[in-house]
């Protein structure tokens, strides 16, 4: 069982200001994520915003216009900052609000901060321009940049006392992160190709005649692009199904947060499945009203109850 630590009722003004900065970053830069964490009580919501703001900083270095050697150096500087947080060496009056907020969150909750080291490792893979021959290869990358975020988030959420199978909660959180990342990869195929990045495994691309890459709004000539997308969608759905085993282990509001974020990405996956070539024309997204509906559905517990009932049926079978 993974417990959360009750946050102190009093949070100092400098720490609250640091959290406010992180929440602003989250609201502006991560709308899907922000919809989910709105459902959390304030201490958990603040901690999640601190995790996001640090992760955003790492991602922005990797996605920026700097030379690769400069990016690598800045990522190592960020790793050194993380080490300061891990060592308890960040004071409340530190000039870096993200470090202040993350340090407080790590004191309030049992967050496995080593996951942020993994994130830095994953972004360094991007900086080096690594490609992936197989799904097993790609999983290593996805675990760094997304599975680790799932495990970090679980440190904030905790699991319910007596939750059945809670010892596997980190595994399910990791798998759910993989599902979200594979959905991101499908959604961003064209944008990533424009930046010289191809994430889908080379053996999958070859199988469906897509090894030439994606350089325009139409699939490579003679390819079965729809077949490729549908193949990856099925893989993502299997990951979602496994990762959703986490939901019954969480308290109501944490489960609602996870269900909302996962629900938004599953609906994106539905859209991609219906119209595969849309990802070559631009980023597929959901309107705000649909995200709000998913959030309400998550808060109602519908997805959690549905998944719990499915697990019960499987056990009885």
Foldseek 3Di string as FASTA:
>chain_A
DADFFAADPDDDPLLVVLLVVLLVCCVVPPVLLNLLLVLPPDLLSSLLSLVVSLLVVLVCLLPDDDQLVVSLVVLVVSVVLLVCLVVVNDDSPDPNSSSNNNSSSVVRWVFPSVLVVLLSVLSNCSSVQDEAADPVRLLSSLLNNFLSSLSRSCRSFPFDVPDPPVVCLSVLSSLLRSLLVLLVLLLQQQVCVVVVHHYPHCVLCVVFVQNVGAHALDGDPPGPQLVSLVVSLVVSVVSNLSSLVNLVGTPLSNSLSSQLSSVQSNVSSVVCNVPVSVSRVHGDHDDPVVSNVSSVCSNVCVSVVVSVVVVVVVVVD
